[in-house]
PDB file of N, CA and C in Angstrom:
ATOM      1  N   MET A   1     162.488 -43.402  28.477  1.00  0.00           N
ATOM      2  CA  MET A   1     163.280 -42.293  28.951  1.00  0.00           C
ATOM      3  C   MET A   1     164.587 -42.267  28.159  1.00  0.00           C
ATOM      4  N   PHE A   2     165.088 -41.068  27.952  1.00  0.00           N
ATOM      5  CA  PHE A   2     166.335 -40.851  27.222  1.00  0.00           C
ATOM      6  C   PHE A   2     167.297 -40.081  28.126  1.00  0.00           C
ATOM      7  N   THR A   3     168.542 -40.466  28.073  1.00  0.00           N
ATOM      8  CA  THR A   3     169.547 -39.850  28.931  1.00  0.00           C
ATOM      9  C   THR A   3     170.633 -39.202  28.086  1.00  0.00           C
ATOM     10  N   LEU A   4     170.926 -37.962  28.409  1.00  0.00           N
ATOM     11  CA  LEU A   4     172.075 -37.261  27.841  1.00  0.00           C
ATOM     12  C   LEU A   4     173.226 -37.483  28.805  1.00  0.00           C
ATOM     13  N   ARG A   5     174.254 -38.215  28.363  1.00  0.00           N
ATOM     14  CA  ARG A   5     175.448 -38.490  29.178  1.00  0.00           C
ATOM     15  C   ARG A   5     176.518 -37.503  28.752  1.00  0.00           C
ATOM     16  N   ILE A   6     177.060 -36.794  29.726  1.00  0.00           N
ATOM     17  CA  ILE A   6     178.109 -35.796  29.494  1.00  0.00           C
ATOM     18  C   ILE A   6     179.316 -36.205  30.339  1.00  0.00           C
ATOM     19  N   GLU A   7     180.501 -36.215  29.728  1.00  0.00           N
ATOM     20  CA  GLU A   7     181.729 -36.562  30.443  1.00  0.00           C
ATOM     21  C   GLU A   7     182.813 -35.552  30.097  1.00  0.00           C
ATOM     22  N   HIS A   8     183.526 -35.072  31.121  1.00  0.00           N
ATOM     23  CA  HIS A   8     184.646 -34.161  30.860  1.00  0.00           C
ATOM     24  C   HIS A   8     185.498 -33.931  32.095  1.00  0.00           C
ATOM     25  N   GLN A   9     186.691 -33.423  31.863  1.00  0.00           N
ATOM     26  CA  GLN A   9     187.582 -33.007  32.940  1.00  0.00           C
ATOM     27  C   GLN A   9     187.097 -31.664  33.475  1.00  0.00           C
ATOM     28  N   ILE A  10     187.314 -31.449  34.765  1.00  0.00           N
ATOM     29  CA  ILE A  10     186.959 -30.178  35.392  1.00  0.00           C
ATOM     30  C   ILE A  10     188.149 -29.665  36.188  1.00  0.00           C
ATOM     31  N   HIS A  11     188.084 -28.383  36.559  1.00  0.00           N
ATOM     32  CA  HIS A  11     189.149 -27.768  37.351  1.00  0.00           C
ATOM     33  C   HIS A  11     188.925 -27.946  38.851  1.00  0.00           C
ATOM     34  N   GLY A  12     187.833 -28.523  39.239  1.00  0.00           N
ATOM     35  CA  GLY A  12     187.521 -28.733  40.655  1.00  0.00           C
ATOM     36  C   GLY A  12     186.016 -28.840  40.830  1.00  0.00           C
ATOM     37  N   TYR A  13     185.615 -29.750  41.692  1.00  0.00           N
ATOM     38  CA  TYR A  13     184.182 -30.023  41.838  1.00  0.00           C
ATOM     39  C   TYR A  13     183.406 -28.810  42.342  1.00  0.00           C
ATOM     40  N   GLU A  14     183.913 -28.116  43.344  1.00  0.00           N
ATOM     41  CA  GLU A  14     183.161 -26.990  43.908  1.00  0.00           C
ATOM     42  C   GLU A  14     182.904 -25.905  42.860  1.00  0.00           C
ATOM     43  N   MET A  15     183.919 -25.577  42.067  1.00  0.00           N
ATOM     44  CA  MET A  15     183.751 -24.583  41.006  1.00  0.00           C
ATOM     45  C   MET A  15     182.747 -25.083  39.977  1.00  0.00           C
ATOM     46  N   TRP A  16     182.899 -26.340  39.566  1.00  0.00           N
ATOM     47  CA  TRP A  16     181.994 -26.912  38.576  1.00  0.00           C
ATOM     48  C   TRP A  16     180.563 -26.927  39.112  1.00  0.00           C
ATOM     49  N   ARG A  17     180.394 -27.337  40.371  1.00  0.00           N
ATOM     50  CA  ARG A  17     179.058 -27.460  40.948  1.00  0.00           C
ATOM     51  C   ARG A  17     178.339 -26.114  41.006  1.00  0.00           C
ATOM     52  N   ALA A  18     179.064 -25.073  41.319  1.00  0.00           N
ATOM     53  CA  ALA A  18     178.453 -23.733  41.351  1.00  0.00           C
ATOM     54  C   ALA A  18     177.920 -23.362  39.968  1.00  0.00           C
ATOM     55  N   ALA A  19     178.684 -23.660  38.915  1.00  0.00           N
ATOM     56  CA  ALA A  19     178.230 -23.372  37.552  1.00  0.00           C
ATOM     57  C   ALA A  19     177.035 -24.249  37.190  1.00  0.00           C
ATOM     58  N   PHE A  20     177.084 -25.528  37.555  1.00  0.00           N
ATOM     59  CA  PHE A  20     175.976 -26.450  37.286  1.00  0.00           C
ATOM     60  C   PHE A  20     174.697 -25.952  37.956  1.00  0.00           C
ATOM     61  N   ASP A  21     174.799 -25.533  39.200  1.00  0.00           N
ATOM     62  CA  ASP A  21     173.617 -25.063  39.931  1.00  0.00           C
ATOM     63  C   ASP A  21     173.021 -23.802  39.305  1.00  0.00           C
ATOM     64  N   ARG A  22     173.860 -22.927  38.743  1.00  0.00           N
ATOM     65  CA  ARG A  22     173.343 -21.711  38.096  1.00  0.00           C
ATOM     66  C   ARG A  22     172.489 -22.034  36.871  1.00  0.00           C
ATOM     67  N   LEU A  23     172.644 -23.229  36.296  1.00  0.00           N
ATOM     68  CA  LEU A  23     171.901 -23.605  35.089  1.00  0.00           C
ATOM     69  C   LEU A  23     170.664 -24.453  35.389  1.00  0.00           C
ATOM     70  N   ALA A  24     170.272 -24.558  36.646  1.00  0.00           N
ATOM     71  CA  ALA A  24     169.135 -25.415  37.025  1.00  0.00           C
ATOM     72  C   ALA A  24     167.847 -25.027  36.300  1.00  0.00           C
ATOM     73  N   ALA A  25     167.545 -23.757  36.230  1.00  0.00           N
ATOM     74  CA  ALA A  25     166.305 -23.320  35.579  1.00  0.00           C
ATOM     75  C   ALA A  25     166.321 -23.631  34.088  1.00  0.00           C
ATOM     76  N   ILE A  26     167.479 -23.516  33.462  1.00  0.00           N
ATOM     77  CA  ILE A  26     167.598 -23.831  32.029  1.00  0.00           C
ATOM     78  C   ILE A  26     167.344 -25.318  31.798  1.00  0.00           C
ATOM     79  N   ARG A  27     167.900 -26.164  32.668  1.00  0.00           N
ATOM     80  CA  ARG A  27     167.650 -27.612  32.538  1.00  0.00           C
ATOM     81  C   ARG A  27     166.170 -27.918  32.697  1.00  0.00           C
ATOM     82  N   GLU A  28     165.557 -27.301  33.680  1.00  0.00           N
ATOM     83  CA  GLU A  28     164.131 -27.556  33.925  1.00  0.00           C
ATOM     84  C   GLU A  28     163.277 -27.104  32.746  1.00  0.00           C
ATOM     85  N   ARG A  29     163.545 -25.913  32.219  1.00  0.00           N
ATOM     86  CA  ARG A  29     162.781 -25.420  31.055  1.00  0.00           C
ATOM     87  C   ARG A  29     162.982 -26.303  29.838  1.00  0.00           C
ATOM     88  N   ALA A  30     164.154 -26.923  29.719  1.00  0.00           N
ATOM     89  CA  ALA A  30     164.454 -27.794  28.576  1.00  0.00           C
ATOM     90  C   ALA A  30     163.788 -29.156  28.707  1.00  0.00           C
ATOM     91  N   GLY A  31     163.200 -29.433  29.864  1.00  0.00           N
ATOM     92  CA  GLY A  31     162.498 -30.695  30.040  1.00  0.00           C
ATOM     93  C   GLY A  31     163.290 -31.775  30.759  1.00  0.00           C
ATOM     94  N   ALA A  32     164.433 -31.419  31.338  1.00  0.00           N
ATOM     95  CA  ALA A  32     165.188 -32.415  32.106  1.00  0.00           C
ATOM     96  C   ALA A  32     164.342 -32.854  33.297  1.00  0.00           C
ATOM     97  N   ARG A  33     164.258 -34.152  33.498  1.00  0.00           N
ATOM     98  CA  ARG A  33     163.431 -34.714  34.562  1.00  0.00           C
ATOM     99  C   ARG A  33     164.225 -35.027  35.816  1.00  0.00           C
ATOM    100  N   ASN A  34     165.528 -35.270  35.636  1.00  0.00           N
ATOM    101  CA  ASN A  34     166.315 -35.773  36.745  1.00  0.00           C
ATOM    102  C   ASN A  34     167.777 -35.748  36.313  1.00  0.00           C
ATOM    103  N   HIS A  35     168.672 -35.718  37.277  1.00  0.00           N
ATOM    104  CA  HIS A  35     170.093 -35.799  36.930  1.00  0.00           C
ATOM    105  C   HIS A  35     170.843 -36.649  37.948  1.00  0.00           C
ATOM    106  N   ARG A  36     171.957 -37.204  37.485  1.00  0.00           N
ATOM    107  CA  ARG A  36     172.891 -37.942  38.324  1.00  0.00           C
ATOM    108  C   ARG A  36     174.286 -37.403  38.030  1.00  0.00           C
ATOM    109  N   ILE A  37     175.042 -37.156  39.075  1.00  0.00           N
ATOM    110  CA  ILE A  37     176.400 -36.649  38.935  1.00  0.00           C
ATOM    111  C   ILE A  37     177.342 -37.684  39.535  1.00  0.00           C
ATOM    112  N   SER A  38     178.380 -38.048  38.784  1.00  0.00           N
ATOM    113  CA  SER A  38     179.364 -39.020  39.259  1.00  0.00           C
ATOM    114  C   SER A  38     180.764 -38.480  39.042  1.00  0.00           C
ATOM    115  N   LEU A  39     181.641 -38.761  39.996  1.00  0.00           N
ATOM    116  CA  LEU A  39     183.061 -38.447  39.857  1.00  0.00           C
ATOM    117  C   LEU A  39     183.824 -39.757  39.741  1.00  0.00           C
ATOM    118  N   ALA A  40     184.820 -39.776  38.882  1.00  0.00           N
ATOM    119  CA  ALA A  40     185.647 -40.973  38.732  1.00  0.00           C
ATOM    120  C   ALA A  40     186.423 -41.210  40.026  1.00  0.00           C
ATOM    121  N   VAL A  41     186.436 -42.438  40.479  1.00  0.00           N
ATOM    122  CA  VAL A  41     187.139 -42.786  41.711  1.00  0.00           C
ATOM    123  C   VAL A  41     188.640 -42.519  41.585  1.00  0.00           C
ATOM    124  N   ASP A  42     189.185 -42.768  40.412  1.00  0.00           N
ATOM    125  CA  ASP A  42     190.627 -42.589  40.224  1.00  0.00           C
ATOM    126  C   ASP A  42     191.015 -41.194  39.732  1.00  0.00           C
ATOM    127  N   ASP A  43     190.031 -40.308  39.532  1.00  0.00           N
ATOM    128  CA  ASP A  43     190.311 -38.945  39.073  1.00  0.00           C
ATOM    129  C   ASP A  43     189.173 -38.029  39.500  1.00  0.00           C
ATOM    130  N   PRO A  44     189.289 -37.368  40.649  1.00  0.00           N
ATOM    131  CA  PRO A  44     188.202 -36.521  41.148  1.00  0.00           C
ATOM    132  C   PRO A  44     187.942 -35.285  40.292  1.00  0.00           C
ATOM    133  N   ASN A  45     188.729 -35.090  39.238  1.00  0.00           N
ATOM    134  CA  ASN A  45     188.480 -33.996  38.302  1.00  0.00           C
ATOM    135  C   ASN A  45     187.901 -34.501  36.985  1.00  0.00           C
ATOM    136  N   PHE A  46     187.381 -35.729  36.977  1.00  0.00           N
ATOM    137  CA  PHE A  46     186.665 -36.256  35.813  1.00  0.00           C
ATOM    138  C   PHE A  46     185.238 -36.515  36.251  1.00  0.00           C
ATOM    139  N   ILE A  47     184.313 -35.821  35.589  1.00  0.00           N
ATOM    140  CA  ILE A  47     182.905 -35.873  35.995  1.00  0.00           C
ATOM    141  C   ILE A  47     182.039 -36.462  34.905  1.00  0.00           C
ATOM    142  N   MET A  48     180.982 -37.133  35.321  1.00  0.00           N
ATOM    143  CA  MET A  48     179.979 -37.686  34.408  1.00  0.00           C
ATOM    144  C   MET A  48     178.608 -37.219  34.894  1.00  0.00           C
ATOM    145  N   ILE A  49     177.831 -36.679  33.988  1.00  0.00           N
ATOM    146  CA  ILE A  49     176.504 -36.192  34.313  1.00  0.00           C
ATOM    147  C   ILE A  49     175.504 -36.908  33.419  1.00  0.00           C
ATOM    148  N   ASP A  50     174.461 -37.442  34.015  1.00  0.00           N
ATOM    149  CA  ASP A  50     173.357 -38.049  33.266  1.00  0.00           C
ATOM    150  C   ASP A  50     172.125 -37.195  33.494  1.00  0.00           C
ATOM    151  N   LEU A  51     171.565 -36.674  32.399  1.00  0.00           N
ATOM    152  CA  LEU A  51     170.349 -35.865  32.438  1.00  0.00           C
ATOM    153  C   LEU A  51     169.251 -36.635  31.723  1.00  0.00           C
ATOM    154  N   ASP A  52     168.136 -36.879  32.398  1.00  0.00           N
ATOM    155  CA  ASP A  52     167.039 -37.661  31.830  1.00  0.00           C
ATOM    156  C   ASP A  52     165.974 -36.770  31.213  1.00  0.00           C
ATOM    157  N   PHE A  53     165.504 -37.182  30.035  1.00  0.00           N
ATOM    158  CA  PHE A  53     164.477 -36.468  29.280  1.00  0.00           C
ATOM    159  C   PHE A  53     163.410 -37.457  28.813  1.00  0.00           C
ATOM    160  N   ASP A  54     162.238 -36.941  28.472  1.00  0.00           N
ATOM    161  CA  ASP A  54     161.158 -37.789  27.972  1.00  0.00           C
ATOM    162  C   ASP A  54     161.375 -38.225  26.525  1.00  0.00           C
ATOM    163  N   SER A  55     162.164 -37.448  25.777  1.00  0.00           N
ATOM    164  CA  SER A  55     162.367 -37.782  24.363  1.00  0.00           C
ATOM    165  C   SER A  55     163.805 -37.514  23.951  1.00  0.00           C
ATOM    166  N   ALA A  56     164.221 -38.208  22.897  1.00  0.00           N
ATOM    167  CA  ALA A  56     165.552 -37.975  22.336  1.00  0.00           C
ATOM    168  C   ALA A  56     165.647 -36.557  21.778  1.00  0.00           C
ATOM    169  N   ASP A  57     164.553 -36.053  21.206  1.00  0.00           N
ATOM    170  CA  ASP A  57     164.557 -34.696  20.657  1.00  0.00           C
ATOM    171  C   ASP A  57     164.818 -33.656  21.744  1.00  0.00           C
ATOM    172  N   ALA A  58     164.203 -33.833  22.909  1.00  0.00           N
ATOM    173  CA  ALA A  58     164.411 -32.890  24.014  1.00  0.00           C
ATOM    174  C   ALA A  58     165.862 -32.931  24.473  1.00  0.00           C
ATOM    175  N   ALA A  59     166.441 -34.130  24.565  1.00  0.00           N
ATOM    176  CA  ALA A  59     167.840 -34.262  24.954  1.00  0.00           C
ATOM    177  C   ALA A  59     168.749 -33.601  23.922  1.00  0.00           C
ATOM    178  N   GLU A  60     168.474 -33.815  22.656  1.00  0.00           N
ATOM    179  CA  GLU A  60     169.274 -33.234  21.575  1.00  0.00           C
ATOM    180  C   GLU A  60     169.159 -31.713  21.572  1.00  0.00           C
ATOM    181  N   THR A  61     167.976 -31.193  21.799  1.00  0.00           N
ATOM    182  CA  THR A  61     167.784 -29.744  21.849  1.00  0.00           C
ATOM    183  C   THR A  61     168.582 -29.138  22.993  1.00  0.00           C
ATOM    184  N   PHE A  62     168.545 -29.774  24.155  1.00  0.00           N
ATOM    185  CA  PHE A  62     169.304 -29.259  25.292  1.00  0.00           C
ATOM    186  C   PHE A  62     170.804 -29.346  25.041  1.00  0.00           C
ATOM    187  N   LEU A  63     171.241 -30.407  24.407  1.00  0.00           N
ATOM    188  CA  LEU A  63     172.651 -30.538  24.052  1.00  0.00           C
ATOM    189  C   LEU A  63     173.076 -29.376  23.154  1.00  0.00           C
ATOM    190  N   GLY A  64     172.225 -28.992  22.225  1.00  0.00           N
ATOM    191  CA  GLY A  64     172.512 -27.839  21.366  1.00  0.00           C
ATOM    192  C   GLY A  64     172.665 -26.556  22.168  1.00  0.00           C
ATOM    193  N   VAL A  65     171.821 -26.371  23.170  1.00  0.00           N
ATOM    194  CA  VAL A  65     171.928 -25.190  24.041  1.00  0.00           C
ATOM    195  C   VAL A  65     173.269 -25.196  24.763  1.00  0.00           C
ATOM    196  N   LEU A  66     173.653 -26.341  25.297  1.00  0.00           N
ATOM    197  CA  LEU A  66     174.940 -26.432  25.989  1.00  0.00           C
ATOM    198  C   LEU A  66     176.089 -26.081  25.053  1.00  0.00           C
ATOM    199  N   ARG A  67     176.062 -26.615  23.845  1.00  0.00           N
ATOM    200  CA  ARG A  67     177.149 -26.356  22.888  1.00  0.00           C
ATOM    201  C   ARG A  67     177.223 -24.890  22.492  1.00  0.00           C
ATOM    202  N   ARG A  68     176.062 -24.279  22.245  1.00  0.00           N
ATOM    203  CA  ARG A  68     176.028 -22.894  21.767  1.00  0.00           C
ATOM    204  C   ARG A  68     176.234 -21.869  22.872  1.00  0.00           C
ATOM    205  N   GLU A  69     175.602 -22.106  24.021  1.00  0.00           N
ATOM    206  CA  GLU A  69     175.502 -21.047  25.024  1.00  0.00           C
ATOM    207  C   GLU A  69     176.304 -21.271  26.294  1.00  0.00           C
ATOM    208  N   VAL A  70     176.813 -22.459  26.495  1.00  0.00           N
ATOM    209  CA  VAL A  70     177.478 -22.723  27.774  1.00  0.00           C
ATOM    210  C   VAL A  70     178.943 -23.105  27.579  1.00  0.00           C
ATOM    211  N   TRP A  71     179.216 -24.171  26.891  1.00  0.00           N
ATOM    212  CA  TRP A  71     180.567 -24.714  26.848  1.00  0.00           C
ATOM    213  C   TRP A  71     181.580 -23.809  26.169  1.00  0.00           C
ATOM    214  N   GLY A  72     181.178 -23.012  25.239  1.00  0.00           N
ATOM    215  CA  GLY A  72     182.124 -22.145  24.552  1.00  0.00           C
ATOM    216  C   GLY A  72     182.209 -20.754  25.126  1.00  0.00           C
ATOM    217  N   SER A  73     181.646 -20.552  26.307  1.00  0.00           N
ATOM    218  CA  SER A  73     181.580 -19.198  26.850  1.00  0.00           C
ATOM    219  C   SER A  73     182.343 -19.090  28.169  1.00  0.00           C
ATOM    220  N   ALA A  74     182.434 -17.883  28.654  1.00  0.00           N
ATOM    221  CA  ALA A  74     183.056 -17.641  29.956  1.00  0.00           C
ATOM    222  C   ALA A  74     182.206 -18.215  31.082  1.00  0.00           C
ATOM    223  N   ALA A  75     180.985 -18.635  30.767  1.00  0.00           N
ATOM    224  CA  ALA A  75     180.096 -19.221  31.771  1.00  0.00           C
ATOM    225  C   ALA A  75     180.542 -20.623  32.164  1.00  0.00           C
ATOM    226  N   ALA A  76     181.571 -21.150  31.526  1.00  0.00           N
ATOM    227  CA  ALA A  76     182.034 -22.510  31.794  1.00  0.00           C
ATOM    228  C   ALA A  76     183.499 -22.527  32.243  1.00  0.00           C
ATOM    229  N   PRO A  77     183.855 -21.764  33.298  1.00  0.00           N
ATOM    230  CA  PRO A  77     185.260 -21.701  33.710  1.00  0.00           C
ATOM    231  C   PRO A  77     185.767 -22.994  34.344  1.00  0.00           C
ATOM    232  N   ALA A  78     184.868 -23.868  34.754  1.00  0.00           N
ATOM    233  CA  ALA A  78     185.281 -25.096  35.436  1.00  0.00           C
ATOM    234  C   ALA A  78     185.692 -26.196  34.467  1.00  0.00           C
ATOM    235  N   LEU A  79     185.355 -26.052  33.184  1.00  0.00           N
ATOM    236  CA  LEU A  79     185.703 -27.087  32.214  1.00  0.00           C
ATOM    237  C   LEU A  79     187.202 -27.092  31.942  1.00  0.00           C
ATOM    238  N   ALA A  80     187.747 -28.292  31.836  1.00  0.00           N
ATOM    239  CA  ALA A  80     189.183 -28.440  31.559  1.00  0.00           C
ATOM    240  C   ALA A  80     189.334 -29.457  30.439  1.00  0.00           C
ATOM    241  N   GLY A  81     189.178 -29.023  29.218  1.00  0.00           N
ATOM    242  CA  GLY A  81     189.321 -29.943  28.096  1.00  0.00           C
ATOM    243  C   GLY A  81     188.002 -30.208  27.399  1.00  0.00           C
ATOM    244  N   GLY A  82     188.064 -31.129  26.445  1.00  0.00           N
ATOM    245  CA  GLY A  82     186.916 -31.437  25.612  1.00  0.00           C
ATOM    246  C   GLY A  82     185.803 -32.164  26.353  1.00  0.00           C
ATOM    247  N   VAL A  83     184.631 -32.034  25.807  1.00  0.00           N
ATOM    248  CA  VAL A  83     183.432 -32.658  26.372  1.00  0.00           C
ATOM    249  C   VAL A  83     183.008 -33.799  25.461  1.00  0.00           C
ATOM    250  N   GLN A  84     182.699 -34.931  26.054  1.00  0.00           N
ATOM    251  CA  GLN A  84     182.144 -36.059  25.301  1.00  0.00           C
ATOM    252  C   GLN A  84     180.689 -36.228  25.700  1.00  0.00           C
ATOM    253  N   THR A  85     179.834 -36.446  24.691  1.00  0.00           N
ATOM    254  CA  THR A  85     178.412 -36.610  24.976  1.00  0.00           C
ATOM    255  C   THR A  85     177.854 -37.789  24.205  1.00  0.00           C
ATOM    256  N   ARG A  86     176.758 -38.292  24.714  1.00  0.00           N
ATOM    257  CA  ARG A  86     176.035 -39.367  24.031  1.00  0.00           C
ATOM    258  C   ARG A  86     174.610 -39.340  24.555  1.00  0.00           C
ATOM    259  N   ILE A  87     173.650 -39.527  23.658  1.00  0.00           N
ATOM    260  CA  ILE A  87     172.250 -39.665  24.055  1.00  0.00           C
ATOM    261  C   ILE A  87     171.894 -41.133  23.941  1.00  0.00           C
ATOM    262  N   VAL A  88     171.359 -41.674  25.027  1.00  0.00           N
ATOM    263  CA  VAL A  88     171.008 -43.096  25.055  1.00  0.00           C
ATOM    264  C   VAL A  88     169.557 -43.261  25.462  1.00  0.00           C
ATOM    265  N   GLU A  89     168.959 -44.337  25.001  1.00  0.00           N
ATOM    266  CA  GLU A  89     167.610 -44.690  25.432  1.00  0.00           C
ATOM    267  C   GLU A  89     167.731 -45.710  26.557  1.00  0.00           C
ATOM    268  N   VAL A  90     167.110 -45.419  27.670  1.00  0.00           N
ATOM    269  CA  VAL A  90     167.142 -46.328  28.806  1.00  0.00           C
ATOM    270  C   VAL A  90     166.171 -47.462  28.511  1.00  0.00           C
ATOM    271  N   MET A  91     166.706 -48.660  28.440  1.00  0.00           N
ATOM    272  CA  MET A  91     165.886 -49.827  28.128  1.00  0.00           C
ATOM    273  C   MET A  91     165.342 -50.499  29.384  1.00  0.00           C
ATOM    274  N   GLU A  92     166.085 -50.365  30.473  1.00  0.00           N
ATOM    275  CA  GLU A  92     165.624 -50.944  31.740  1.00  0.00           C
ATOM    276  C   GLU A  92     166.357 -50.264  32.889  1.00  0.00           C
ATOM    277  N   SER A  93     165.644 -50.050  33.963  1.00  0.00           N
ATOM    278  CA  SER A  93     166.230 -49.532  35.180  1.00  0.00           C
ATOM    279  C   SER A  93     165.571 -50.295  36.330  1.00  0.00           C
ATOM    280  N   LYS A  94     166.382 -50.947  37.143  1.00  0.00           N
ATOM    281  CA  LYS A  94     165.838 -51.793  38.186  1.00  0.00           C
ATOM    282  C   LYS A  94     166.675 -51.639  39.452  1.00  0.00           C
ATOM    283  N   GLY A  95     166.033 -51.450  40.551  1.00  0.00           N
ATOM    284  CA  GLY A  95     166.748 -51.349  41.826  1.00  0.00           C
ATOM    285  C   GLY A  95     166.882 -52.707  42.486  1.00  0.00           C
ATOM    286  N   TYR A  96     167.893 -52.830  43.320  1.00  0.00           N
ATOM    287  CA  TYR A  96     168.119 -54.062  44.095  1.00  0.00           C
ATOM    288  C   TYR A  96     168.316 -53.719  45.541  1.00  0.00           C
TER     289      TYR A  96
END
């Protein structure tokens, strides 16, 4: 499994969440299998999103869609500053 990790400042969780929810069908069509959303404990306006994909290519393709069609448009009013991303390969996941 491959994870696209996205980190950025937001203007508020509720505003950001509404925009995130509007893109659910796009994530699904791109092959996203699952997502995790985290807020920094010391900064509730700093969010981290992990989107899981079957391949690095699928994650990279979706990242391109975000860069071209979402982050630079009026469709992203909740973003406050630059976005940092990284695609990682999950080597192990174990519950306790």
